[in-house]
PDB file of N, CA and C in Angstrom:
ATOM      1  N   MET A   1       9.607 -21.388 -18.610  1.00  0.00           N
ATOM      2  CA  MET A   1       8.468 -20.504 -18.539  1.00  0.00           C
ATOM      3  C   MET A   1       7.198 -21.327 -18.311  1.00  0.00           C
ATOM      4  N   ARG A   2       6.329 -20.815 -17.473  1.00  0.00           N
ATOM      5  CA  ARG A   2       5.070 -21.502 -17.237  1.00  0.00           C
ATOM      6  C   ARG A   2       4.176 -21.343 -18.453  1.00  0.00           C
ATOM      7  N   ARG A   3       3.274 -22.264 -18.602  1.00  0.00           N
ATOM      8  CA  ARG A   3       2.418 -22.320 -19.782  1.00  0.00           C
ATOM      9  C   ARG A   3       1.597 -21.044 -19.984  1.00  0.00           C
ATOM     10  N   TYR A   4       1.039 -20.491 -18.922  1.00  0.00           N
ATOM     11  CA  TYR A   4       0.170 -19.327 -19.059  1.00  0.00           C
ATOM     12  C   TYR A   4       0.840 -18.031 -18.602  1.00  0.00           C
ATOM     13  N   ALA A   5       2.131 -18.039 -18.426  1.00  0.00           N
ATOM     14  CA  ALA A   5       2.839 -16.854 -17.938  1.00  0.00           C
ATOM     15  C   ALA A   5       3.059 -15.853 -19.067  1.00  0.00           C
ATOM     16  N   LEU A   6       3.160 -14.592 -18.674  1.00  0.00           N
ATOM     17  CA  LEU A   6       3.474 -13.538 -19.634  1.00  0.00           C
ATOM     18  C   LEU A   6       4.961 -13.547 -19.936  1.00  0.00           C
ATOM     19  N   ARG A   7       5.292 -13.311 -21.190  1.00  0.00           N
ATOM     20  CA  ARG A   7       6.693 -13.112 -21.525  1.00  0.00           C
ATOM     21  C   ARG A   7       7.090 -11.707 -21.072  1.00  0.00           C
ATOM     22  N   ASP A   8       8.382 -11.473 -20.931  1.00  0.00           N
ATOM     23  CA  ASP A   8       8.866 -10.164 -20.487  1.00  0.00           C
ATOM     24  C   ASP A   8       8.445  -9.043 -21.425  1.00  0.00           C
ATOM     25  N   ASP A   9       8.481  -9.284 -22.727  1.00  0.00           N
ATOM     26  CA  ASP A   9       8.084  -8.235 -23.671  1.00  0.00           C
ATOM     27  C   ASP A   9       6.590  -7.915 -23.572  1.00  0.00           C
ATOM     28  N   GLN A  10       5.773  -8.918 -23.284  1.00  0.00           N
ATOM     29  CA  GLN A  10       4.345  -8.681 -23.096  1.00  0.00           C
ATOM     30  C   GLN A  10       4.097  -7.857 -21.836  1.00  0.00           C
ATOM     31  N   TRP A  11       4.798  -8.213 -20.763  1.00  0.00           N
ATOM     32  CA  TRP A  11       4.644  -7.499 -19.510  1.00  0.00           C
ATOM     33  C   TRP A  11       5.059  -6.040 -19.659  1.00  0.00           C
ATOM     34  N   GLU A  12       6.142  -5.785 -20.359  1.00  0.00           N
ATOM     35  CA  GLU A  12       6.620  -4.414 -20.541  1.00  0.00           C
ATOM     36  C   GLU A  12       5.596  -3.551 -21.278  1.00  0.00           C
ATOM     37  N   ARG A  13       4.816  -4.160 -22.152  1.00  0.00           N
ATOM     38  CA  ARG A  13       3.816  -3.403 -22.910  1.00  0.00           C
ATOM     39  C   ARG A  13       2.641  -2.961 -22.055  1.00  0.00           C
ATOM     40  N   ILE A  14       2.326  -3.686 -20.977  1.00  0.00           N
ATOM     41  CA  ILE A  14       1.131  -3.331 -20.205  1.00  0.00           C
ATOM     42  C   ILE A  14       1.407  -2.784 -18.813  1.00  0.00           C
ATOM     43  N   GLN A  15       2.586  -2.965 -18.280  1.00  0.00           N
ATOM     44  CA  GLN A  15       2.805  -2.632 -16.872  1.00  0.00           C
ATOM     45  C   GLN A  15       2.514  -1.172 -16.537  1.00  0.00           C
ATOM     46  N   GLU A  16       2.747  -0.259 -17.467  1.00  0.00           N
ATOM     47  CA  GLU A  16       2.502   1.159 -17.200  1.00  0.00           C
ATOM     48  C   GLU A  16       1.022   1.531 -17.276  1.00  0.00           C
ATOM     49  N   LEU A  17       0.199   0.629 -17.773  1.00  0.00           N
ATOM     50  CA  LEU A  17      -1.237   0.884 -17.878  1.00  0.00           C
ATOM     51  C   LEU A  17      -1.991   0.478 -16.622  1.00  0.00           C
ATOM     52  N   LEU A  18      -1.316  -0.215 -15.714  1.00  0.00           N
ATOM     53  CA  LEU A  18      -1.978  -0.800 -14.552  1.00  0.00           C
ATOM     54  C   LEU A  18      -1.847   0.054 -13.298  1.00  0.00           C
ATOM     55  N   PRO A  19      -2.882   0.060 -12.460  1.00  0.00           N
ATOM     56  CA  PRO A  19      -2.782   0.767 -11.187  1.00  0.00           C
ATOM     57  C   PRO A  19      -1.905  -0.013 -10.211  1.00  0.00           C
ATOM     58  N   GLY A  20      -1.488   0.654  -9.151  1.00  0.00           N
ATOM     59  CA  GLY A  20      -0.708  -0.025  -8.115  1.00  0.00           C
ATOM     60  C   GLY A  20       0.777  -0.070  -8.381  1.00  0.00           C
ATOM     61  N   ARG A  21       1.249   0.605  -9.418  1.00  0.00           N
ATOM     62  CA  ARG A  21       2.689   0.618  -9.691  1.00  0.00           C
ATOM     63  C   ARG A  21       3.331   1.745  -8.894  1.00  0.00           C
ATOM     64  N   ALA A  22       4.605   1.658  -8.703  1.00  0.00           N
ATOM     65  CA  ALA A  22       5.330   2.701  -7.971  1.00  0.00           C
ATOM     66  C   ALA A  22       5.182   4.024  -8.707  1.00  0.00           C
ATOM     67  N   GLY A  23       4.892   5.075  -7.963  1.00  0.00           N
ATOM     68  CA  GLY A  23       4.721   6.392  -8.561  1.00  0.00           C
ATOM     69  C   GLY A  23       3.287   6.737  -8.889  1.00  0.00           C
ATOM     70  N   SER A  24       2.370   5.767  -8.809  1.00  0.00           N
ATOM     71  CA  SER A  24       0.962   6.064  -9.066  1.00  0.00           C
ATOM     72  C   SER A  24       0.262   6.354  -7.740  1.00  0.00           C
ATOM     73  N   VAL A  25      -0.936   6.864  -7.827  1.00  0.00           N
ATOM     74  CA  VAL A  25      -1.709   7.188  -6.634  1.00  0.00           C
ATOM     75  C   VAL A  25      -2.054   5.909  -5.885  1.00  0.00           C
ATOM     76  N   GLY A  26      -1.971   5.951  -4.580  1.00  0.00           N
ATOM     77  CA  GLY A  26      -2.328   4.798  -3.762  1.00  0.00           C
ATOM     78  C   GLY A  26      -1.113   3.984  -3.364  1.00  0.00           C
ATOM     79  N   VAL A  27      -1.403   2.864  -2.743  1.00  0.00           N
ATOM     80  CA  VAL A  27      -0.359   1.970  -2.248  1.00  0.00           C
ATOM     81  C   VAL A  27       0.133   1.087  -3.391  1.00  0.00           C
ATOM     82  N   PRO A  28       1.449   0.950  -3.560  1.00  0.00           N
ATOM     83  CA  PRO A  28       1.954   0.057  -4.615  1.00  0.00           C
ATOM     84  C   PRO A  28       1.502  -1.386  -4.383  1.00  0.00           C
ATOM     85  N   ALA A  29       1.111  -2.047  -5.449  1.00  0.00           N
ATOM     86  CA  ALA A  29       0.673  -3.435  -5.361  1.00  0.00           C
ATOM     87  C   ALA A  29       1.869  -4.339  -5.097  1.00  0.00           C
ATOM     88  N   ARG A  30       1.590  -5.466  -4.457  1.00  0.00           N
ATOM     89  CA  ARG A  30       2.682  -6.408  -4.176  1.00  0.00           C
ATOM     90  C   ARG A  30       3.263  -6.976  -5.454  1.00  0.00           C
ATOM     91  N   ASP A  31       2.391  -7.440  -6.340  1.00  0.00           N
ATOM     92  CA  ASP A  31       2.890  -8.039  -7.574  1.00  0.00           C
ATOM     93  C   ASP A  31       1.806  -8.013  -8.648  1.00  0.00           C
ATOM     94  N   ASN A  32       1.783  -6.945  -9.427  1.00  0.00           N
ATOM     95  CA  ASN A  32       0.800  -6.828 -10.501  1.00  0.00           C
ATOM     96  C   ASN A  32       0.957  -7.931 -11.535  1.00  0.00           C
ATOM     97  N   ARG A  33       2.188  -8.298 -11.815  1.00  0.00           N
ATOM     98  CA  ARG A  33       2.418  -9.313 -12.847  1.00  0.00           C
ATOM     99  C   ARG A  33       1.821 -10.654 -12.438  1.00  0.00           C
ATOM    100  N   LEU A  34       2.013 -11.054 -11.203  1.00  0.00           N
ATOM    101  CA  LEU A  34       1.447 -12.314 -10.727  1.00  0.00           C
ATOM    102  C   LEU A  34      -0.077 -12.273 -10.797  1.00  0.00           C
ATOM    103  N   PHE A  35      -0.644 -11.127 -10.443  1.00  0.00           N
ATOM    104  CA  PHE A  35      -2.098 -10.978 -10.498  1.00  0.00           C
ATOM    105  C   PHE A  35      -2.606 -11.102 -11.940  1.00  0.00           C
ATOM    106  N   VAL A  36      -1.979 -10.401 -12.871  1.00  0.00           N
ATOM    107  CA  VAL A  36      -2.399 -10.474 -14.276  1.00  0.00           C
ATOM    108  C   VAL A  36      -2.244 -11.899 -14.794  1.00  0.00           C
ATOM    109  N   GLU A  37      -1.176 -12.567 -14.410  1.00  0.00           N
ATOM    110  CA  GLU A  37      -0.993 -13.956 -14.828  1.00  0.00           C
ATOM    111  C   GLU A  37      -2.071 -14.860 -14.232  1.00  0.00           C
ATOM    112  N   ALA A  38      -2.519 -14.568 -13.028  1.00  0.00           N
ATOM    113  CA  ALA A  38      -3.600 -15.344 -12.415  1.00  0.00           C
ATOM    114  C   ALA A  38      -4.886 -15.188 -13.219  1.00  0.00           C
ATOM    115  N   VAL A  39      -5.183 -13.960 -13.619  1.00  0.00           N
ATOM    116  CA  VAL A  39      -6.384 -13.704 -14.420  1.00  0.00           C
ATOM    117  C   VAL A  39      -6.279 -14.413 -15.771  1.00  0.00           C
ATOM    118  N   LEU A  40      -5.129 -14.295 -16.411  1.00  0.00           N
ATOM    119  CA  LEU A  40      -4.935 -14.973 -17.695  1.00  0.00           C
ATOM    120  C   LEU A  40      -5.058 -16.493 -17.543  1.00  0.00           C
ATOM    121  N   TYR A  41      -4.475 -17.032 -16.483  1.00  0.00           N
ATOM    122  CA  TYR A  41      -4.546 -18.467 -16.231  1.00  0.00           C
ATOM    123  C   TYR A  41      -5.998 -18.907 -16.105  1.00  0.00           C
ATOM    124  N   ARG A  42      -6.755 -18.133 -15.331  1.00  0.00           N
ATOM    125  CA  ARG A  42      -8.154 -18.479 -15.089  1.00  0.00           C
ATOM    126  C   ARG A  42      -8.940 -18.532 -16.392  1.00  0.00           C
ATOM    127  N   TYR A  43      -8.764 -17.521 -17.246  1.00  0.00           N
ATOM    128  CA  TYR A  43      -9.525 -17.486 -18.493  1.00  0.00           C
ATOM    129  C   TYR A  43      -8.993 -18.449 -19.538  1.00  0.00           C
ATOM    130  N   ARG A  44      -7.705 -18.614 -19.628  1.00  0.00           N
ATOM    131  CA  ARG A  44      -7.152 -19.540 -20.621  1.00  0.00           C
ATOM    132  C   ARG A  44      -7.457 -20.990 -20.274  1.00  0.00           C
ATOM    133  N   ALA A  45      -7.431 -21.312 -18.990  1.00  0.00           N
ATOM    134  CA  ALA A  45      -7.703 -22.684 -18.566  1.00  0.00           C
ATOM    135  C   ALA A  45      -9.204 -22.961 -18.484  1.00  0.00           C
ATOM    136  N   GLY A  46     -10.020 -21.908 -18.435  1.00  0.00           N
ATOM    137  CA  GLY A  46     -11.463 -22.081 -18.365  1.00  0.00           C
ATOM    138  C   GLY A  46     -11.933 -22.645 -17.040  1.00  0.00           C
ATOM    139  N   ILE A  47     -11.299 -22.216 -15.952  1.00  0.00           N
ATOM    140  CA  ILE A  47     -11.628 -22.742 -14.636  1.00  0.00           C
ATOM    141  C   ILE A  47     -12.397 -21.705 -13.819  1.00  0.00           C
ATOM    142  N   PRO A  48     -13.128 -22.145 -12.802  1.00  0.00           N
ATOM    143  CA  PRO A  48     -13.751 -21.186 -11.881  1.00  0.00           C
ATOM    144  C   PRO A  48     -12.676 -20.519 -11.022  1.00  0.00           C
ATOM    145  N   TRP A  49     -13.006 -19.356 -10.483  1.00  0.00           N
ATOM    146  CA  TRP A  49     -12.044 -18.631  -9.651  1.00  0.00           C
ATOM    147  C   TRP A  49     -11.526 -19.495  -8.508  1.00  0.00           C
ATOM    148  N   CYS A  50     -12.400 -20.272  -7.899  1.00  0.00           N
ATOM    149  CA  CYS A  50     -11.994 -21.047  -6.722  1.00  0.00           C
ATOM    150  C   CYS A  50     -10.991 -22.153  -7.052  1.00  0.00           C
ATOM    151  N   ASP A  51     -10.777 -22.437  -8.322  1.00  0.00           N
ATOM    152  CA  ASP A  51      -9.816 -23.471  -8.729  1.00  0.00           C
ATOM    153  C   ASP A  51      -8.453 -22.911  -9.121  1.00  0.00           C
ATOM    154  N   LEU A  52      -8.230 -21.621  -8.868  1.00  0.00           N
ATOM    155  CA  LEU A  52      -6.903 -21.049  -9.156  1.00  0.00           C
ATOM    156  C   LEU A  52      -5.842 -21.765  -8.321  1.00  0.00           C
ATOM    157  N   PRO A  53      -4.695 -22.083  -8.914  1.00  0.00           N
ATOM    158  CA  PRO A  53      -3.614 -22.710  -8.141  1.00  0.00           C
ATOM    159  C   PRO A  53      -3.154 -21.795  -6.997  1.00  0.00           C
ATOM    160  N   GLU A  54      -2.687 -22.385  -5.948  1.00  0.00           N
ATOM    161  CA  GLU A  54      -2.270 -21.649  -4.752  1.00  0.00           C
ATOM    162  C   GLU A  54      -1.133 -20.675  -5.007  1.00  0.00           C
ATOM    163  N   ARG A  55      -0.340 -20.912  -6.043  1.00  0.00           N
ATOM    164  CA  ARG A  55       0.795 -20.016  -6.307  1.00  0.00           C
ATOM    165  C   ARG A  55       0.349 -18.587  -6.613  1.00  0.00           C
ATOM    166  N   PHE A  56      -0.928 -18.407  -6.982  1.00  0.00           N
ATOM    167  CA  PHE A  56      -1.456 -17.081  -7.265  1.00  0.00           C
ATOM    168  C   PHE A  56      -2.029 -16.397  -6.026  1.00  0.00           C
ATOM    169  N   GLY A  57      -2.049 -17.088  -4.917  1.00  0.00           N
ATOM    170  CA  GLY A  57      -2.602 -16.519  -3.691  1.00  0.00           C
ATOM    171  C   GLY A  57      -4.056 -16.925  -3.513  1.00  0.00           C
ATOM    172  N   ASP A  58      -4.712 -16.279  -2.556  1.00  0.00           N
ATOM    173  CA  ASP A  58      -6.103 -16.584  -2.248  1.00  0.00           C
ATOM    174  C   ASP A  58      -7.000 -16.185  -3.414  1.00  0.00           C
ATOM    175  N   TRP A  59      -7.763 -17.110  -3.929  1.00  0.00           N
ATOM    176  CA  TRP A  59      -8.590 -16.855  -5.106  1.00  0.00           C
ATOM    177  C   TRP A  59      -9.607 -15.753  -4.859  1.00  0.00           C
ATOM    178  N   LYS A  60     -10.094 -15.621  -3.625  1.00  0.00           N
ATOM    179  CA  LYS A  60     -11.077 -14.575  -3.330  1.00  0.00           C
ATOM    180  C   LYS A  60     -10.465 -13.191  -3.494  1.00  0.00           C
ATOM    181  N   ASN A  61      -9.216 -13.035  -3.069  1.00  0.00           N
ATOM    182  CA  ASN A  61      -8.539 -11.748  -3.232  1.00  0.00           C
ATOM    183  C   ASN A  61      -8.269 -11.446  -4.705  1.00  0.00           C
ATOM    184  N   VAL A  62      -7.910 -12.472  -5.469  1.00  0.00           N
ATOM    185  CA  VAL A  62      -7.670 -12.284  -6.902  1.00  0.00           C
ATOM    186  C   VAL A  62      -8.969 -11.860  -7.580  1.00  0.00           C
ATOM    187  N   HIS A  63     -10.055 -12.527  -7.254  1.00  0.00           N
ATOM    188  CA  HIS A  63     -11.351 -12.188  -7.854  1.00  0.00           C
ATOM    189  C   HIS A  63     -11.803 -10.788  -7.440  1.00  0.00           C
ATOM    190  N   ARG A  64     -11.617 -10.443  -6.196  1.00  0.00           N
ATOM    191  CA  ARG A  64     -12.002  -9.113  -5.708  1.00  0.00           C
ATOM    192  C   ARG A  64     -11.224  -8.022  -6.455  1.00  0.00           C
ATOM    193  N   ARG A  65      -9.932  -8.236  -6.615  1.00  0.00           N
ATOM    194  CA  ARG A  65      -9.104  -7.263  -7.316  1.00  0.00           C
ATOM    195  C   ARG A  65      -9.485  -7.192  -8.797  1.00  0.00           C
ATOM    196  N   PHE A  66      -9.768  -8.343  -9.399  1.00  0.00           N
ATOM    197  CA  PHE A  66     -10.216  -8.374 -10.791  1.00  0.00           C
ATOM    198  C   PHE A  66     -11.489  -7.547 -10.952  1.00  0.00           C
ATOM    199  N   SER A  67     -12.427  -7.725 -10.045  1.00  0.00           N
ATOM    200  CA  SER A  67     -13.695  -6.991 -10.110  1.00  0.00           C
ATOM    201  C   SER A  67     -13.482  -5.492  -9.935  1.00  0.00           C
ATOM    202  N   ARG A  68     -12.612  -5.116  -9.021  1.00  0.00           N
ATOM    203  CA  ARG A  68     -12.307  -3.690  -8.823  1.00  0.00           C
ATOM    204  C   ARG A  68     -11.720  -3.077 -10.088  1.00  0.00           C
ATOM    205  N   TRP A  69     -10.769  -3.770 -10.671  1.00  0.00           N
ATOM    206  CA  TRP A  69     -10.138  -3.268 -11.892  1.00  0.00           C
ATOM    207  C   TRP A  69     -11.159  -3.160 -13.019  1.00  0.00           C
ATOM    208  N   ALA A  70     -12.096  -4.114 -13.077  1.00  0.00           N
ATOM    209  CA  ALA A  70     -13.130  -4.065 -14.113  1.00  0.00           C
ATOM    210  C   ALA A  70     -14.000  -2.825 -13.917  1.00  0.00           C
ATOM    211  N   LYS A  71     -14.382  -2.536 -12.686  1.00  0.00           N
ATOM    212  CA  LYS A  71     -15.205  -1.355 -12.407  1.00  0.00           C
ATOM    213  C   LYS A  71     -14.457  -0.058 -12.695  1.00  0.00           C
ATOM    214  N   LEU A  72     -13.158  -0.056 -12.501  1.00  0.00           N
ATOM    215  CA  LEU A  72     -12.343   1.132 -12.765  1.00  0.00           C
ATOM    216  C   LEU A  72     -12.003   1.303 -14.253  1.00  0.00           C
ATOM    217  N   GLY A  73     -12.292   0.292 -15.056  1.00  0.00           N
ATOM    218  CA  GLY A  73     -12.019   0.366 -16.485  1.00  0.00           C
ATOM    219  C   GLY A  73     -10.590   0.017 -16.862  1.00  0.00           C
ATOM    220  N   VAL A  74      -9.860  -0.623 -15.944  1.00  0.00           N
ATOM    221  CA  VAL A  74      -8.464  -0.975 -16.223  1.00  0.00           C
ATOM    222  C   VAL A  74      -8.371  -1.958 -17.385  1.00  0.00           C
ATOM    223  N   TRP A  75      -9.190  -2.990 -17.372  1.00  0.00           N
ATOM    224  CA  TRP A  75      -9.130  -4.004 -18.441  1.00  0.00           C
ATOM    225  C   TRP A  75      -9.514  -3.384 -19.778  1.00  0.00           C
ATOM    226  N   GLU A  76     -10.478  -2.476 -19.747  1.00  0.00           N
ATOM    227  CA  GLU A  76     -10.885  -1.803 -20.976  1.00  0.00           C
ATOM    228  C   GLU A  76      -9.734  -0.991 -21.566  1.00  0.00           C
ATOM    229  N   ARG A  77      -8.997  -0.293 -20.717  1.00  0.00           N
ATOM    230  CA  ARG A  77      -7.838   0.480 -21.186  1.00  0.00           C
ATOM    231  C   ARG A  77      -6.770  -0.425 -21.788  1.00  0.00           C
ATOM    232  N   VAL A  78      -6.517  -1.557 -21.136  1.00  0.00           N
ATOM    233  CA  VAL A  78      -5.510  -2.502 -21.646  1.00  0.00           C
ATOM    234  C   VAL A  78      -5.944  -3.040 -23.012  1.00  0.00           C
ATOM    235  N   PHE A  79      -7.201  -3.432 -23.124  1.00  0.00           N
ATOM    236  CA  PHE A  79      -7.688  -3.956 -24.398  1.00  0.00           C
ATOM    237  C   PHE A  79      -7.661  -2.885 -25.481  1.00  0.00           C
ATOM    238  N   ALA A  80      -8.038  -1.667 -25.142  1.00  0.00           N
ATOM    239  CA  ALA A  80      -8.008  -0.567 -26.116  1.00  0.00           C
ATOM    240  C   ALA A  80      -6.577  -0.308 -26.581  1.00  0.00           C
ATOM    241  N   HIS A  81      -5.627  -0.385 -25.654  1.00  0.00           N
ATOM    242  CA  HIS A  81      -4.220  -0.188 -25.995  1.00  0.00           C
ATOM    243  C   HIS A  81      -3.757  -1.228 -27.018  1.00  0.00           C
ATOM    244  N   PHE A  82      -4.122  -2.482 -26.784  1.00  0.00           N
ATOM    245  CA  PHE A  82      -3.718  -3.536 -27.702  1.00  0.00           C
ATOM    246  C   PHE A  82      -4.494  -3.481 -29.012  1.00  0.00           C
ATOM    247  N   ALA A  83      -5.747  -3.075 -28.964  1.00  0.00           N
ATOM    248  CA  ALA A  83      -6.548  -2.978 -30.185  1.00  0.00           C
ATOM    249  C   ALA A  83      -5.994  -1.902 -31.111  1.00  0.00           C
ATOM    250  N   ALA A  84      -5.483  -0.827 -30.525  1.00  0.00           N
ATOM    251  CA  ALA A  84      -4.915   0.255 -31.327  1.00  0.00           C
ATOM    252  C   ALA A  84      -3.621  -0.172 -32.009  1.00  0.00           C
ATOM    253  N   ASP A  85      -2.957  -1.175 -31.445  1.00  0.00           N
ATOM    254  CA  ASP A  85      -1.670  -1.639 -31.960  1.00  0.00           C
ATOM    255  C   ASP A  85      -1.778  -3.088 -32.433  1.00  0.00           C
ATOM    256  N   ALA A  86      -2.916  -3.426 -33.026  1.00  0.00           N
ATOM    257  CA  ALA A  86      -3.143  -4.814 -33.440  1.00  0.00           C
ATOM    258  C   ALA A  86      -2.249  -5.187 -34.611  1.00  0.00           C
ATOM    259  N   ASP A  87      -1.645  -6.362 -34.525  1.00  0.00           N
ATOM    260  CA  ASP A  87      -0.818  -6.837 -35.632  1.00  0.00           C
ATOM    261  C   ASP A  87      -1.587  -7.822 -36.509  1.00  0.00           C
ATOM    262  N   ASN A  88      -2.803  -8.157 -36.096  1.00  0.00           N
ATOM    263  CA  ASN A  88      -3.665  -9.076 -36.842  1.00  0.00           C
ATOM    264  C   ASN A  88      -2.980 -10.390 -37.173  1.00  0.00           C
ATOM    265  N   GLU A  89      -2.146 -10.844 -36.255  1.00  0.00           N
ATOM    266  CA  GLU A  89      -1.490 -12.133 -36.442  1.00  0.00           C
ATOM    267  C   GLU A  89      -2.526 -13.254 -36.422  1.00  0.00           C
ATOM    268  N   TYR A  90      -3.524 -13.082 -35.591  1.00  0.00           N
ATOM    269  CA  TYR A  90      -4.593 -14.067 -35.493  1.00  0.00           C
ATOM    270  C   TYR A  90      -5.920 -13.374 -35.758  1.00  0.00           C
ATOM    271  N   ALA A  91      -6.756 -14.011 -36.530  1.00  0.00           N
ATOM    272  CA  ALA A  91      -8.111 -13.520 -36.753  1.00  0.00           C
ATOM    273  C   ALA A  91      -9.049 -14.673 -36.443  1.00  0.00           C
ATOM    274  N   MET A  92     -10.003 -14.435 -35.576  1.00  0.00           N
ATOM    275  CA  MET A  92     -10.922 -15.487 -35.179  1.00  0.00           C
ATOM    276  C   MET A  92     -12.348 -15.068 -35.504  1.00  0.00           C
ATOM    277  N   ILE A  93     -13.124 -16.012 -35.987  1.00  0.00           N
ATOM    278  CA  ILE A  93     -14.528 -15.769 -36.264  1.00  0.00           C
ATOM    279  C   ILE A  93     -15.318 -16.753 -35.433  1.00  0.00           C
ATOM    280  N   ASP A  94     -16.191 -16.223 -34.641  1.00  0.00           N
ATOM    281  CA  ASP A  94     -17.055 -17.047 -33.805  1.00  0.00           C
ATOM    282  C   ASP A  94     -18.220 -17.522 -34.669  1.00  0.00           C
ATOM    283  N   SER A  95     -18.543 -18.792 -34.605  1.00  0.00           N
ATOM    284  CA  SER A  95     -19.594 -19.334 -35.462  1.00  0.00           C
ATOM    285  C   SER A  95     -20.963 -18.763 -35.141  1.00  0.00           C
ATOM    286  N   THR A  96     -21.135 -18.132 -33.993  1.00  0.00           N
ATOM    287  CA  THR A  96     -22.437 -17.566 -33.662  1.00  0.00           C
ATOM    288  C   THR A  96     -22.768 -16.353 -34.507  1.00  0.00           C
ATOM    289  N   ILE A  97     -21.787 -15.772 -35.185  1.00  0.00           N
ATOM    290  CA  ILE A  97     -22.071 -14.608 -36.015  1.00  0.00           C
ATOM    291  C   ILE A  97     -22.121 -14.943 -37.500  1.00  0.00           C
ATOM    292  N   VAL A  98     -21.832 -16.169 -37.848  1.00  0.00           N
ATOM    293  CA  VAL A  98     -21.874 -16.585 -39.243  1.00  0.00           C
ATOM    294  C   VAL A  98     -23.224 -17.246 -39.475  1.00  0.00           C
ATOM    295  N   ARG A  99     -24.031 -16.608 -40.298  1.00  0.00           N
ATOM    296  CA  ARG A  99     -25.369 -17.120 -40.542  1.00  0.00           C
ATOM    297  C   ARG A  99     -25.328 -18.160 -41.654  1.00  0.00           C
ATOM    298  N   ALA A 100     -26.059 -19.209 -41.455  1.00  0.00           N
ATOM    299  CA  ALA A 100     -26.169 -20.249 -42.471  1.00  0.00           C
ATOM    300  C   ALA A 100     -27.643 -20.395 -42.841  1.00  0.00           C
ATOM    301  N   HIS A 101     -27.882 -20.814 -44.049  1.00  0.00           N
ATOM    302  CA  HIS A 101     -29.259 -21.045 -44.472  1.00  0.00           C
ATOM    303  C   HIS A 101     -29.815 -22.222 -43.692  1.00  0.00           C
ATOM    304  N   GLN A 102     -31.118 -22.201 -43.428  1.00  0.00           N
ATOM    305  CA  GLN A 102     -31.726 -23.249 -42.615  1.00  0.00           C
ATOM    306  C   GLN A 102     -31.530 -24.638 -43.211  1.00  0.00           C
ATOM    307  N   HIS A 103     -31.446 -24.750 -44.524  1.00  0.00           N
ATOM    308  CA  HIS A 103     -31.284 -26.060 -45.138  1.00  0.00           C
ATOM    309  C   HIS A 103     -29.878 -26.616 -44.958  1.00  0.00           C
ATOM    310  N   SER A 104     -28.923 -25.744 -44.649  1.00  0.00           N
ATOM    311  CA  SER A 104     -27.575 -26.229 -44.449  1.00  0.00           C
ATOM    312  C   SER A 104     -27.467 -27.036 -43.159  1.00  0.00           C
ATOM    313  N   ALA A 105     -28.433 -26.879 -42.269  1.00  0.00           N
ATOM    314  CA  ALA A 105     -28.441 -27.625 -41.018  1.00  0.00           C
ATOM    315  C   ALA A 105     -29.308 -28.863 -41.105  1.00  0.00           C
ATOM    316  N   GLY A 106     -29.841 -29.164 -42.294  1.00  0.00           N
ATOM    317  CA  GLY A 106     -30.619 -30.387 -42.466  1.00  0.00           C
ATOM    318  C   GLY A 106     -32.109 -30.205 -42.261  1.00  0.00           C
ATOM    319  N   ALA A 107     -32.584 -28.956 -42.233  1.00  0.00           N
ATOM    320  CA  ALA A 107     -34.015 -28.722 -42.059  1.00  0.00           C
ATOM    321  C   ALA A 107     -34.773 -29.251 -43.268  1.00  0.00           C
ATOM    322  N   GLN A 108     -35.962 -29.744 -43.046  1.00  0.00           N
ATOM    323  CA  GLN A 108     -36.804 -30.275 -44.123  1.00  0.00           C
ATOM    324  C   GLN A 108     -37.315 -29.140 -44.992  1.00  0.00           C
ATOM    325  N   LYS A 109     -37.276 -29.342 -46.267  1.00  0.00           N
ATOM    326  CA  LYS A 109     -37.806 -28.353 -47.205  1.00  0.00           C
ATOM    327  C   LYS A 109     -39.339 -28.466 -47.223  1.00  0.00           C
ATOM    328  N   SER A 110     -39.999 -27.330 -47.216  1.00  0.00           N
ATOM    329  CA  SER A 110     -41.464 -27.364 -47.310  1.00  0.00           C
ATOM    330  C   SER A 110     -41.848 -27.486 -48.779  1.00  0.00           C
ATOM    331  N   ARG A 111     -42.942 -28.178 -49.039  1.00  0.00           N
ATOM    332  CA  ARG A 111     -43.359 -28.416 -50.430  1.00  0.00           C
ATOM    333  C   ARG A 111     -44.524 -27.580 -50.798  1.00  0.00           C
TER     334      ARG A 111
END
């Protein structure tokens, strides 16, 4: 399995939420799974779109499709689906929301 690839059980949970599948309105997509893996790869690796590996296809097409899906609310639906079924296996706190007293950062005390 590739490092950033979706497992089969993960793919099964989201494939019905995505546009472009057989039976939905419009033309069926060539490979939704490869596209989703490209998006995940881009964000997990922290790379610019233009640095996507060639195995995902032309980066401009991937970015264009990502933007379309964002405007259609596809990513929001996927996230809402997972948020409703959260197992809370991981909990993360971003330090930007944890307030610390000014003296904890070494600020000089006023006299």
